[in-house]
Amino acid sequence: MLLAAVLAAVPALQAPSLLALGGAAVFVLVVGVTSGRAFAIPWAIAGLGAEYALALGNAGLDARVPLYAVSLLVTAELAYWSVQLRGAAADEAGIAQRRVIGLLLGATAALLVCTTLVTLARVQLGGGLAAEAAGLAAAVGALALLLVAVRRTSGA
């Protein structure tokens, strides 16, 4: 919950009027986790992401976007893990350690991918068909990574 509060506070430093949106998102996350309602988690994460996007405004991407995105990912994973721990089923030995390692590896991979995408988005290409093809390939690759991540989390 502390990470979610920090994620709500960071955009509010640039645009204090957005603190209400971030605060509402953190509230939804806290209520969702404490009540065991996992359906609230995506709404809270979307609220935090929307707050950050609104704080960016027309300024475009900044260097903090990958770090913020990975922080949202970690927040969501920890929130889902908290809800799952409320279940009656006992965890098998070593599952927590494997899950933490998986989260760290996933967050590192996401940070590398996000940093690469932001760096590529800042490159000024001459345009033309080659640039369009590279953009299409990047979009398809990003979508493929997203689908793999969703499939992996739904199977867990």
Protein backbone atom coordinates (compact mmCIF):
# COMPACT_ATOMS: atom_id res chain seq x y z
CA MET A 1 0.00 0.00 0.00
CA LEU A 2 2.96 2.26 0.61
CA LEU A 3 4.11 1.85 -2.98
CA ALA A 4 0.61 2.76 -4.20
CA ALA A 5 0.63 5.88 -2.03
CA VAL A 6 3.99 6.92 -3.46
CA LEU A 7 2.68 6.29 -6.98
CA ALA A 8 -0.26 8.59 -6.19
CA ALA A 9 1.97 11.30 -4.73
CA VAL A 10 4.55 11.50 -7.55
CA PRO A 11 2.20 12.93 -10.24
CA ALA A 12 0.63 15.22 -7.65
CA LEU A 13 3.97 16.99 -7.27
CA GLN A 14 3.54 18.32 -10.81
CA ALA A 15 -0.22 18.74 -10.71
CA PRO A 16 -1.63 18.92 -7.16
CA SER A 17 -5.18 18.86 -8.47
CA LEU A 18 -4.62 15.21 -9.47
CA LEU A 19 -4.04 14.07 -5.90
CA ALA A 20 -7.77 13.37 -5.54
CA LEU A 21 -7.61 10.89 -8.44
CA GLY A 22 -4.53 9.20 -6.99
CA GLY A 23 -6.05 9.14 -3.52
CA ALA A 24 -9.23 7.57 -4.86
CA ALA A 25 -7.18 4.93 -6.67
CA VAL A 26 -5.26 4.09 -3.50
CA PHE A 27 -8.54 3.92 -1.58
CA VAL A 28 -9.99 1.49 -4.14
CA LEU A 29 -6.83 -0.63 -3.89
CA VAL A 30 -6.94 -0.70 -0.08
CA VAL A 31 -10.63 -1.61 -0.05
CA GLY A 32 -10.10 -4.28 -2.69
CA VAL A 33 -7.19 -5.92 -0.92
CA THR A 34 -8.61 -5.73 2.59
CA SER A 35 -11.98 -7.11 1.48
CA GLY A 36 -10.44 -9.78 -0.76
CA ARG A 37 -12.03 -8.35 -3.90
CA ALA A 38 -9.49 -8.80 -6.69
CA PHE A 39 -11.71 -7.07 -9.25
CA ALA A 40 -10.89 -3.71 -7.64
CA ILE A 41 -7.16 -4.02 -8.30
CA PRO A 42 -7.18 -3.27 -12.06
CA TRP A 43 -9.39 -0.24 -11.47
CA ALA A 44 -6.97 1.09 -8.87
CA ILE A 45 -3.96 0.51 -11.12
CA ALA A 46 -5.79 2.18 -14.03
CA GLY A 47 -6.55 5.16 -11.78
CA LEU A 48 -2.90 5.52 -10.79
CA GLY A 49 -1.83 5.22 -14.44
CA ALA A 50 -4.42 7.79 -15.52
CA GLU A 51 -3.21 10.19 -12.85
CA TYR A 52 0.35 9.89 -14.15
CA ALA A 53 -0.74 10.28 -17.77
CA LEU A 54 -2.74 13.40 -16.93
CA ALA A 55 0.23 14.82 -15.05
CA LEU A 56 2.38 14.36 -18.14
CA GLY A 57 -0.15 16.26 -20.22
CA ASN A 58 1.25 17.36 -23.56
CA ALA A 59 4.84 17.07 -22.35
CA GLY A 60 5.10 13.57 -23.82
CA LEU A 61 7.17 10.76 -22.40
CA ASP A 62 9.64 11.48 -19.68
CA ALA A 63 12.49 9.36 -18.36
CA ARG A 64 10.42 8.19 -15.37
CA VAL A 65 7.79 6.38 -17.44
CA PRO A 66 9.53 2.96 -17.33
CA LEU A 67 10.10 3.16 -13.59
CA TYR A 68 6.52 4.24 -12.97
CA ALA A 69 5.17 1.47 -15.22
CA VAL A 70 7.22 -1.19 -13.44
CA SER A 71 6.11 0.20 -10.08
CA LEU A 72 2.49 -0.18 -11.21
CA LEU A 73 3.23 -3.78 -12.23
CA VAL A 74 4.82 -4.58 -8.86
CA THR A 75 1.95 -2.90 -7.01
CA ALA A 76 -0.61 -4.95 -8.92
CA GLU A 77 1.28 -8.21 -8.40
CA LEU A 78 1.66 -7.62 -4.66
CA ALA A 79 -2.00 -6.69 -4.36
CA TYR A 80 -3.10 -9.85 -6.18
CA TRP A 81 -0.75 -11.89 -4.02
CA SER A 82 -2.28 -10.36 -0.89
CA VAL A 83 -5.77 -11.29 -2.05
CA GLN A 84 -4.67 -14.83 -2.90
CA LEU A 85 -3.11 -15.29 0.53
CA ARG A 86 -6.53 -14.72 2.07
CA GLY A 87 -7.70 -18.01 0.58
CA ALA A 88 -8.10 -21.16 2.64
CA ALA A 89 -5.55 -23.16 0.64
CA ALA A 90 -2.12 -23.53 2.21
CA ASP A 91 0.91 -22.59 0.17
CA GLU A 92 3.37 -25.32 -0.62
CA ALA A 93 6.90 -25.00 0.70
CA GLY A 94 9.08 -22.51 -1.14
CA ILE A 95 6.28 -20.94 -3.18
CA ALA A 96 6.80 -17.50 -1.65
CA GLN A 97 10.48 -17.52 -2.54
CA ARG A 98 9.76 -18.61 -6.12
CA ARG A 99 7.07 -15.98 -6.43
CA VAL A 100 9.37 -13.19 -5.21
CA ILE A 101 12.10 -14.31 -7.62
CA GLY A 102 9.57 -14.42 -10.44
CA LEU A 103 8.33 -10.95 -9.55
CA LEU A 104 11.87 -9.56 -9.49
CA LEU A 105 12.73 -11.16 -12.84
CA GLY A 106 9.46 -10.00 -14.37
CA ALA A 107 9.93 -6.47 -13.09
CA THR A 108 13.49 -6.38 -14.42
CA ALA A 109 12.37 -7.64 -17.83
CA ALA A 110 9.52 -5.11 -17.89
CA LEU A 111 11.92 -2.32 -16.99
CA LEU A 112 14.23 -3.29 -19.85
CA VAL A 113 11.36 -3.50 -22.34
CA CYS A 114 9.81 -0.20 -21.19
CA THR A 115 13.14 1.60 -21.26
CA THR A 116 13.82 0.29 -24.76
CA LEU A 117 10.38 1.33 -25.99
CA VAL A 118 10.66 4.83 -24.50
CA THR A 119 14.13 5.23 -25.99
CA LEU A 120 12.90 4.11 -29.39
CA ALA A 121 9.90 6.42 -29.13
CA ARG A 122 12.25 9.38 -28.71
CA VAL A 123 14.32 8.54 -31.80
CA GLN A 124 13.59 10.84 -34.70
CA LEU A 125 13.35 8.77 -37.84
CA GLY A 126 13.22 10.17 -41.31
CA GLY A 127 9.81 8.60 -41.84
CA GLY A 128 8.68 6.55 -44.74
CA LEU A 129 7.79 2.92 -45.11
CA ALA A 130 10.72 1.63 -43.02
CA ALA A 131 9.67 3.75 -40.05
CA GLU A 132 6.07 2.59 -40.40
CA ALA A 133 7.17 -1.05 -40.53
CA ALA A 134 9.40 -0.62 -37.47
CA GLY A 135 6.53 1.00 -35.57
CA LEU A 136 4.15 -1.77 -36.55
CA ALA A 137 6.67 -4.42 -35.51
CA ALA A 138 7.20 -2.71 -32.16
CA ALA A 139 3.44 -2.49 -31.55
CA VAL A 140 2.94 -6.14 -32.44
CA GLY A 141 5.84 -7.11 -30.19
CA ALA A 142 4.47 -5.09 -27.29
CA LEU A 143 1.04 -6.65 -27.77
CA ALA A 144 2.57 -10.13 -27.88
CA LEU A 145 4.44 -9.47 -24.62
CA LEU A 146 1.22 -8.25 -23.03
CA LEU A 147 -0.69 -11.34 -24.15
CA VAL A 148 2.04 -13.63 -22.81
CA ALA A 149 1.96 -11.80 -19.48
CA VAL A 150 -1.84 -12.04 -19.26
CA ARG A 151 -1.80 -15.72 -20.18
CA ARG A 152 0.92 -16.38 -17.62
CA THR A 153 -0.92 -14.60 -14.79
CA SER A 154 -4.27 -16.20 -15.61
CA GLY A 155 -2.67 -19.62 -15.54
CA ALA A 156 -0.99 -19.00 -12.16
